[in-house]
Structure formats: structure tokens, C-alpha cells
């Protein structure tokens, strides 16, 4: 059964059915009425409530176009009401998106409420949640989760303060649709108070993404609300640096080469253009990760991770980049930036020499 929700058949279905509920969700979305929409959502689970409130904030700020919700295959399974909920919309960049998620619907106080994506696979005492068909990779992640957290702790000197929850999605688009309708497809996601989310994971390949997101979780725990003052490039550079502990030496050299090449060509991007997630255009995302990684790699090699942590503490406390750098590294950020670029130059020379044929 597939129901394309329209005004006529919704009135027949009424608000006391999953179909009527989904229609009301669509109408609230189209009106950009966050209050009306959230009244239709079961927010009793704190993590889902945090995730979905941010989901709403995104579509209020960046409303999707031509949005249609289609509900099909509604059925009772093990005491749960599940249905296939298709989200179809165009982003502000005029990119068409279509995602179908197995979703949960519950009665709360006699009225139907949307309860988000369904995760029938639950492992590690609820720390790993997965969608159908992901049992094997979910088992591998559950088995290796604590070891990967330990890797993060060794790299940073600290880790997540709470046992993280990891949610596995069947596709990149499915993950992105659970986070922000405006977001381009991503392979991993984590924000304060939310689960770590992985898209189409495979093991052991996805251990790198898991380590990256666990590093974010550790930073959120360490710096609290002040983490929002830490520039985005530093968040991502640090997480990439931690994850690079799993990379091969060749992979680390190849990734660093991105920034070396940008430096050689005069294509490095000013840090302030990479500092805010919301304001950084998609075409600059590779610089956020690439330059951020190169900077953290340089800073750790010269000053050590504790002073990088001190730099982040100063930023989280509200200090400017210049003051934070002076206090943590003994040099202004402008000077540090010059030193970093000089270091990239020396790395370029080393890379060129390594490619020279032996005499």
C-alpha cells in the first residue's frame, strides 16, 4: 500500500492515523511552522529530541522546495507501528533529493506522533543502533567501539565523557536527511547531545570515520558550550588528525600533499573563510578538512598536543585567535600561520626529493 498524501485523502484518513499525521507534518513544514511540527513529534527520548529540534531549526532557516512526504507499507511489527516514509524535496541549490526511511509512529495520549527513524538492530547495551541489513557491520563496530575510544584518548589526552551512541544508516542521503534537509550527503556526523551517525558503514574501513566522529564527541565533552567558539577548520582538522592514526603512512603523506599543493599554487584559503560551518560554501569544504589537518599536524609536531588543547581552551573561553595563540604557543596566530606555511614549503621540498631517482 502506498498513500500519496493530499488534502482530500488526508481528511478521510483523519488526524488519528499515521497517514493523517504525516500529512500534518508536511503542511507544517511547508508553512515553516516549527511549533506545529514539533507538536506532532514524540520528543520523550532526549537524544532524538535534541537531534530533531536541530533538524527543524535547519528547515526553518533554509526551507526546502516542493517538499512531499509519502507514507507506505504501514504495519505492526513486534508491538511497533512502522512505515516507509519517503521525503522528496529540492534544496536551495536546486538539487533534487529523495530518501525513504523506515520510520516509527507511536500513540501518545491517544494521538499519533512521529518518532523518527527505526533502528531494529540494537547492540552493546544500546550504544550501537542500526537499520535492517547492517547486523554484521553493527557487530564489528560494537566489538571495536571501546578500542577506538581508547585510540582517541591516547591521541588527545582526553575522550568522550559519556558512552557514545552510534547510529548506522543505509546510505549517505539517509544520514543527511536525518540531520538537515539542506545538507549535502555526508559519511559521518556528530553534534553535542546527538548520536554519532555513520552512513553505509563497512568494517574495518569505517573505523576511520568512527574515530573522526569520536574525536568530535571528545571535544564537545571537553569544551562544553564553548566549543561553538572553536573555528570549524580546527574542529575538523583535529578530528582528521586523530583519525589519521589509523591511516597508512602513504595516506597521511597523500593527504598532506593537498595543502602543500595549495600552498605552492597560492591557493590556500584564509582561515576566517573556513571558520563557520553555516557560512562556509560547499566548494571550500576540502580546504576546511585539508588545511585544518595540515595545521594540526604541524602544531602537534612542533608544540605537542597539550598546547593545541590549551589553544582550544582559550578559544572556547572567548579569546580571539591572536590572543589564544599567543597564550598557548607564545606567538600570535599571524606568526603561527607564517610558520605553518614555511613548514609546508619544507614539506614540499622533502616530497620533491623523495621523488628524485636514486643516483
Protein backbone atom coordinates (compact mmCIF):
# COMPACT_ATOMS: atom_id res chain seq x y z
CA UNK A 1 0.00 0.00 0.00
CA UNK A 2 1.28 3.47 -0.89
CA UNK A 3 -0.52 6.65 0.09
CA UNK A 4 0.40 9.93 -1.60
CA UNK A 5 -0.92 12.37 0.93
CA UNK A 6 -3.21 15.07 -0.44
CA UNK A 7 -5.73 17.32 1.22
CA UNK A 8 -8.66 15.12 0.15
CA UNK A 9 -7.45 11.71 1.28
CA UNK A 10 -6.00 13.13 4.50
CA UNK A 11 -9.37 14.45 5.57
CA UNK A 12 -10.68 10.93 5.01
CA UNK A 13 -7.82 9.39 6.97
CA UNK A 14 -8.14 11.92 9.75
CA UNK A 15 -5.54 13.09 12.25
CA UNK A 16 -5.81 9.87 14.29
CA UNK A 17 -3.82 7.78 11.78
CA UNK A 18 -0.17 7.68 10.69
CA UNK A 19 -1.27 8.94 7.26
CA UNK A 20 -3.02 11.94 8.77
CA UNK A 21 -0.03 12.61 10.98
CA UNK A 22 2.39 12.62 8.04
CA UNK A 23 0.15 15.00 6.12
CA UNK A 24 0.11 17.37 9.10
CA UNK A 25 3.93 17.15 9.25
CA UNK A 26 4.15 18.12 5.59
CA UNK A 27 1.75 21.05 6.00
CA UNK A 28 3.75 22.37 8.98
CA UNK A 29 6.98 22.03 7.01
CA UNK A 30 5.57 23.94 4.06
CA UNK A 31 4.36 26.71 6.40
CA UNK A 32 7.74 26.68 8.22
CA UNK A 33 5.76 26.30 11.43
CA UNK A 34 8.23 24.76 13.86
CA UNK A 35 5.82 24.80 16.81
CA UNK A 36 3.10 22.96 14.92
CA UNK A 37 5.57 20.43 13.55
CA UNK A 38 7.20 19.64 16.90
CA UNK A 39 3.75 19.13 18.43
CA UNK A 40 3.46 16.15 16.05
CA UNK A 41 6.75 14.57 17.19
CA UNK A 42 7.36 12.25 20.12
CA UNK A 43 10.13 14.12 21.96
CA UNK A 44 10.26 11.98 25.10
CA UNK A 45 13.65 10.45 24.23
CA UNK A 46 16.23 13.19 24.99
CA UNK A 47 18.78 12.37 22.26
CA UNK A 48 16.20 12.14 19.49
CA UNK A 49 14.56 15.33 20.79
CA UNK A 50 17.89 17.20 20.52
CA UNK A 51 18.57 15.80 17.05
CA UNK A 52 15.11 16.57 15.72
CA UNK A 53 14.87 20.08 17.15
CA UNK A 54 18.05 20.90 15.25
CA UNK A 55 16.60 19.24 12.16
CA UNK A 56 13.66 21.65 12.48
CA UNK A 57 15.92 24.67 13.00
CA UNK A 58 17.60 23.88 9.70
CA UNK A 59 14.47 23.71 7.56
CA UNK A 60 13.09 26.84 9.17
CA UNK A 61 16.28 28.71 8.26
CA UNK A 62 16.75 27.03 4.86
CA UNK A 63 13.32 25.85 3.75
CA UNK A 64 13.18 23.01 1.23
CA UNK A 65 11.25 23.46 -2.00
CA UNK A 66 8.50 21.23 -3.42
CA UNK A 67 8.56 19.01 -0.36
CA UNK A 68 6.39 15.89 -0.45
CA UNK A 69 6.03 13.20 2.19
CA UNK A 70 4.75 9.81 1.07
CA UNK A 71 3.86 7.09 3.55
CA UNK A 72 3.65 3.44 2.54
CA UNK A 73 3.69 -0.09 3.93
CA UNK A 74 2.39 0.78 7.40
CA UNK A 75 2.42 -2.29 9.62
CA UNK A 76 2.67 -3.50 13.19
CA UNK A 77 5.94 -5.30 13.96
CA UNK A 78 6.74 -6.55 17.47
CA UNK A 79 4.38 -4.02 19.02
CA UNK A 80 5.74 -1.11 16.94
CA UNK A 81 3.98 0.78 14.17
CA UNK A 82 6.45 1.15 11.31
CA UNK A 83 6.10 2.69 7.87
CA UNK A 84 8.19 3.62 4.86
CA UNK A 85 8.37 7.41 4.90
CA UNK A 86 9.65 8.98 1.69
CA UNK A 87 11.00 12.52 1.82
CA UNK A 88 11.19 14.24 -1.57
CA UNK A 89 12.36 17.85 -1.91
CA UNK A 90 14.64 20.31 -3.65
CA UNK A 91 17.37 22.13 -1.77
CA UNK A 92 18.02 25.86 -2.04
CA UNK A 93 20.74 24.94 -4.55
CA UNK A 94 18.01 23.30 -6.68
CA UNK A 95 19.28 19.77 -6.03
CA UNK A 96 16.56 17.12 -6.02
CA UNK A 97 16.64 14.75 -3.05
CA UNK A 98 14.58 11.60 -2.44
CA UNK A 99 15.10 9.48 0.66
CA UNK A 100 12.96 6.69 2.12
CA UNK A 101 13.41 5.85 5.80
CA UNK A 102 11.79 3.11 7.80
CA UNK A 103 10.14 5.25 10.47
CA UNK A 104 8.38 4.74 13.78
CA UNK A 105 4.94 6.09 14.74
CA UNK A 106 3.58 5.98 18.28
CA UNK A 107 0.40 6.89 20.06
CA UNK A 108 0.98 9.42 22.83
CA UNK A 109 -2.06 10.42 24.85
CA UNK A 110 -4.27 8.76 22.25
CA UNK A 111 -2.79 10.76 19.35
CA UNK A 112 -0.27 9.65 16.74
CA UNK A 113 3.26 11.07 16.91
CA UNK A 114 6.29 10.71 14.65
CA UNK A 115 9.20 9.04 16.49
CA UNK A 116 11.93 9.16 13.86
CA UNK A 117 13.92 6.53 12.02
CA UNK A 118 13.62 2.91 13.11
CA UNK A 119 16.70 1.01 14.31
CA UNK A 120 15.72 -2.66 14.70
CA UNK A 121 19.32 -3.72 15.43
CA UNK A 122 20.45 -2.82 18.96
CA UNK A 123 23.85 -3.90 20.28
CA UNK A 124 26.33 -3.05 23.05
CA UNK A 125 23.61 -2.27 25.59
CA UNK A 126 22.00 0.26 23.25
CA UNK A 127 25.24 2.02 22.25
CA UNK A 128 25.08 0.79 18.63
CA UNK A 129 21.82 1.16 16.70
CA UNK A 130 21.50 0.00 13.11
CA UNK A 131 18.97 -0.31 10.34
CA UNK A 132 17.94 -3.64 8.86
CA UNK A 133 20.65 -5.41 6.89
CA UNK A 134 23.50 -3.90 8.90
CA UNK A 135 23.80 -6.62 11.53
CA UNK A 136 27.33 -7.70 10.60
CA UNK A 137 28.91 -4.25 10.49
CA UNK A 138 26.99 -3.21 13.62
CA UNK A 139 28.51 -6.20 15.42
CA UNK A 140 32.01 -5.21 14.32
CA UNK A 141 31.52 -1.62 15.45
CA UNK A 142 30.11 -2.75 18.81
CA UNK A 143 33.10 -5.05 19.32
CA UNK A 144 35.65 -2.36 18.42
CA UNK A 145 33.95 0.72 19.89
CA UNK A 146 35.85 0.80 23.19
CA UNK A 147 39.21 0.21 21.46
CA UNK A 148 38.53 3.12 19.10
CA UNK A 149 37.61 5.35 22.04
CA UNK A 150 40.94 4.39 23.62
CA UNK A 151 42.73 5.40 20.43
CA UNK A 152 41.08 8.84 20.64
CA UNK A 153 42.04 9.21 24.30
CA UNK A 154 45.68 8.42 23.53
CA UNK A 155 45.80 10.93 20.69
CA UNK A 156 44.07 13.79 22.51
CA UNK A 157 44.77 13.07 26.16
CA UNK A 158 41.01 13.01 26.81
CA UNK A 159 37.90 11.33 25.43
CA UNK A 160 34.10 11.49 25.48
CA UNK A 161 32.76 11.98 29.00
CA UNK A 162 29.72 9.78 28.31
CA UNK A 163 29.49 6.45 26.47
CA UNK A 164 28.57 7.48 22.93
CA UNK A 165 25.62 6.15 20.95
CA UNK A 166 26.36 5.22 17.34
CA UNK A 167 23.55 5.14 14.74
CA UNK A 168 24.13 3.42 11.41
CA UNK A 169 22.29 4.49 8.25
CA UNK A 170 21.89 2.62 4.98
CA UNK A 171 23.06 5.49 2.76
CA UNK A 172 24.75 8.87 2.81
CA UNK A 173 21.50 10.53 1.78
CA UNK A 174 19.57 8.82 4.59
CA UNK A 175 22.01 10.12 7.20
CA UNK A 176 21.90 13.65 5.81
CA UNK A 177 18.10 13.62 5.67
CA UNK A 178 18.02 12.74 9.38
CA UNK A 179 20.19 15.76 10.19
CA UNK A 180 19.50 18.66 7.82
CA UNK A 181 17.41 18.72 4.66
CA UNK A 182 19.81 21.38 3.34
CA UNK A 183 22.94 19.30 3.93
CA UNK A 184 24.92 17.68 1.16
CA UNK A 185 25.37 13.91 1.67
CA UNK A 186 27.96 13.16 4.34
CA UNK A 187 29.51 9.94 5.62
CA UNK A 188 29.63 10.84 9.32
CA UNK A 189 28.04 13.27 11.74
CA UNK A 190 28.18 14.28 15.39
CA UNK A 191 26.97 17.30 17.32
CA UNK A 192 26.69 17.93 21.10
CA UNK A 193 23.92 15.84 22.65
CA UNK A 194 23.43 13.80 19.48
CA UNK A 195 24.38 10.29 18.44
CA UNK A 196 27.40 9.64 16.27
CA UNK A 197 25.95 8.84 12.84
CA UNK A 198 27.66 6.76 10.16
CA UNK A 199 26.43 6.30 6.58
CA UNK A 200 26.70 2.99 4.70
CA UNK A 201 29.46 1.79 7.04
CA UNK A 202 31.84 -1.07 6.24
CA UNK A 203 34.38 -2.62 8.56
CA UNK A 204 37.28 -2.05 9.02
CA UNK A 205 37.15 0.89 6.57
CA UNK A 206 34.63 2.81 8.68
CA UNK A 207 36.86 2.76 11.75
CA UNK A 208 38.49 5.92 10.39
CA UNK A 209 35.12 7.73 10.24
CA UNK A 210 34.20 6.39 13.68
CA UNK A 211 37.46 7.71 15.16
CA UNK A 212 36.88 11.09 13.49
CA UNK A 213 33.40 11.40 14.98
CA UNK A 214 34.53 10.13 18.39
CA UNK A 215 37.16 12.90 18.38
CA UNK A 216 34.34 15.40 17.87
CA UNK A 217 32.46 13.84 20.79
CA UNK A 218 35.56 14.17 22.95
CA UNK A 219 35.95 17.86 22.04
CA UNK A 220 32.28 18.54 22.81
CA UNK A 221 32.73 16.92 26.22
CA UNK A 222 35.95 18.77 26.98
CA UNK A 223 34.90 22.28 25.98
CA UNK A 224 31.15 22.25 26.61
CA UNK A 225 29.16 25.13 25.19
CA UNK A 226 32.40 26.96 24.45
CA UNK A 227 33.11 24.53 21.63
CA UNK A 228 30.97 26.69 19.37
CA UNK A 229 33.69 29.37 19.55
CA UNK A 230 36.33 27.00 18.18
CA UNK A 231 36.61 27.53 14.41
CA UNK A 232 35.21 24.81 12.21
CA UNK A 233 38.52 24.19 10.45
CA UNK A 234 40.13 23.42 13.81
CA UNK A 235 37.32 21.05 14.82
CA UNK A 236 37.67 19.12 11.57
CA UNK A 237 41.46 19.34 11.41
CA UNK A 238 41.80 17.89 14.90
CA UNK A 239 39.31 15.09 14.19
CA UNK A 240 41.09 14.24 10.94
CA UNK A 241 44.45 14.26 12.72
CA UNK A 242 43.15 11.81 15.33
CA UNK A 243 41.67 9.56 12.63
CA UNK A 244 44.94 9.68 10.69
CA UNK A 245 46.40 7.44 13.39
CA UNK A 246 44.57 4.65 11.56
CA UNK A 247 45.70 5.74 8.08
CA UNK A 248 48.72 4.27 6.34
CA UNK A 249 51.84 6.43 6.15
CA UNK A 250 51.23 6.79 2.42
CA UNK A 251 47.68 8.02 3.08
CA UNK A 252 48.97 10.63 5.54
CA UNK A 253 51.55 11.84 3.03
CA UNK A 254 48.98 11.98 0.23
CA UNK A 255 46.51 13.94 2.33
CA UNK A 256 49.12 16.42 3.48
CA UNK A 257 50.07 16.89 -0.15
CA UNK A 258 46.75 18.66 -0.73
CA UNK A 259 47.82 21.58 1.44
CA UNK A 260 51.35 21.52 0.08
CA UNK A 261 49.95 21.85 -3.44
CA UNK A 262 47.57 24.65 -2.44
CA UNK A 263 50.49 26.49 -0.81
CA UNK A 264 52.73 26.04 -3.85
CA UNK A 265 49.99 27.35 -6.15
CA UNK A 266 48.93 30.20 -3.86
CA UNK A 267 45.52 28.56 -3.35
CA UNK A 268 45.36 28.33 0.44
CA UNK A 269 42.12 29.85 1.76
CA UNK A 270 42.07 32.46 4.54
CA UNK A 271 41.19 30.86 7.86
CA UNK A 272 38.29 33.20 8.58
CA UNK A 273 36.54 31.88 5.46
CA UNK A 274 36.71 28.35 6.93
CA UNK A 275 35.69 29.16 10.50
CA UNK A 276 31.90 28.88 10.41
CA UNK A 277 30.11 25.72 9.26
CA UNK A 278 26.95 27.54 8.29
CA UNK A 279 28.76 30.21 6.28
CA UNK A 280 31.37 28.09 4.50
CA UNK A 281 30.32 27.25 0.92
CA UNK A 282 30.48 23.63 -0.14
CA UNK A 283 33.32 24.20 -2.58
CA UNK A 284 35.58 25.20 0.34
CA UNK A 285 34.87 22.11 2.46
CA UNK A 286 38.00 20.31 1.16
CA UNK A 287 40.08 23.23 2.49
CA UNK A 288 38.36 23.03 5.89
CA UNK A 289 39.47 19.43 6.30
CA UNK A 290 42.74 19.56 4.36
CA UNK A 291 44.15 22.82 5.74
CA UNK A 292 42.81 22.03 9.20
CA UNK A 293 44.58 18.67 9.21
CA UNK A 294 47.83 20.17 7.95
CA UNK A 295 47.77 22.91 10.59
CA UNK A 296 47.08 20.50 13.47
CA UNK A 297 49.76 18.13 12.21
CA UNK A 298 52.26 20.99 12.18
CA UNK A 299 51.21 22.34 15.59
CA UNK A 300 51.36 18.93 17.26
CA UNK A 301 54.75 18.13 15.73
CA UNK A 302 56.23 21.45 16.88
CA UNK A 303 54.41 22.18 20.15
CA UNK A 304 52.69 18.96 21.23
CA UNK A 305 49.02 18.12 21.70
CA UNK A 306 48.71 19.69 25.20
CA UNK A 307 49.42 23.15 23.77
CA UNK A 308 46.93 22.59 20.95
CA UNK A 309 44.42 21.73 23.67
CA UNK A 310 45.39 24.92 25.52
CA UNK A 311 44.82 26.90 22.30
CA UNK A 312 41.33 25.43 22.03
CA UNK A 313 40.62 26.18 25.70
CA UNK A 314 41.46 29.84 25.14
CA UNK A 315 39.24 29.98 22.08
CA UNK A 316 36.38 28.23 23.90
CA UNK A 317 36.70 30.78 26.71
CA UNK A 318 36.12 33.59 24.21
CA UNK A 319 39.63 34.76 23.45
CA UNK A 320 40.46 35.96 19.94
CA UNK A 321 42.56 33.74 17.72
CA UNK A 322 45.55 36.08 18.16
CA UNK A 323 45.36 36.13 21.97
CA UNK A 324 44.65 32.40 22.23
CA UNK A 325 47.63 31.61 20.04
CA UNK A 326 49.94 33.92 21.98
CA UNK A 327 48.93 32.34 25.30
CA UNK A 328 49.13 28.75 24.05
CA UNK A 329 52.05 28.86 21.64
CA UNK A 330 53.94 32.01 22.58
CA UNK A 331 53.35 33.52 19.15
CA UNK A 332 50.50 35.41 17.54
CA UNK A 333 48.29 33.46 15.16
CA UNK A 334 49.59 35.57 12.28
CA UNK A 335 53.11 34.42 13.12
CA UNK A 336 51.95 30.85 13.59
CA UNK A 337 50.28 30.97 10.17
CA UNK A 338 53.54 32.19 8.59
CA UNK A 339 55.48 29.44 10.35
CA UNK A 340 52.95 26.84 9.18
CA UNK A 341 53.27 28.00 5.58
CA UNK A 342 57.05 27.88 5.84
CA UNK A 343 56.73 24.33 7.16
CA UNK A 344 54.54 23.43 4.18
CA UNK A 345 57.31 24.75 1.98
CA UNK A 346 59.87 22.48 3.62
CA UNK A 347 57.48 19.54 3.24
CA UNK A 348 57.20 20.35 -0.47
CA UNK A 349 60.99 20.21 -0.80
CA UNK A 350 61.12 16.89 1.08
CA UNK A 351 58.36 15.46 -1.10
CA UNK A 352 60.17 16.55 -4.27
CA UNK A 353 63.44 14.98 -3.07
CA UNK A 354 61.69 11.72 -2.25
CA UNK A 355 60.56 11.52 -5.86
CA UNK A 356 64.04 12.06 -7.27
CA UNK A 357 65.55 8.93 -8.85
CA UNK A 358 68.39 7.30 -6.96
CA UNK A 359 71.88 8.03 -8.39
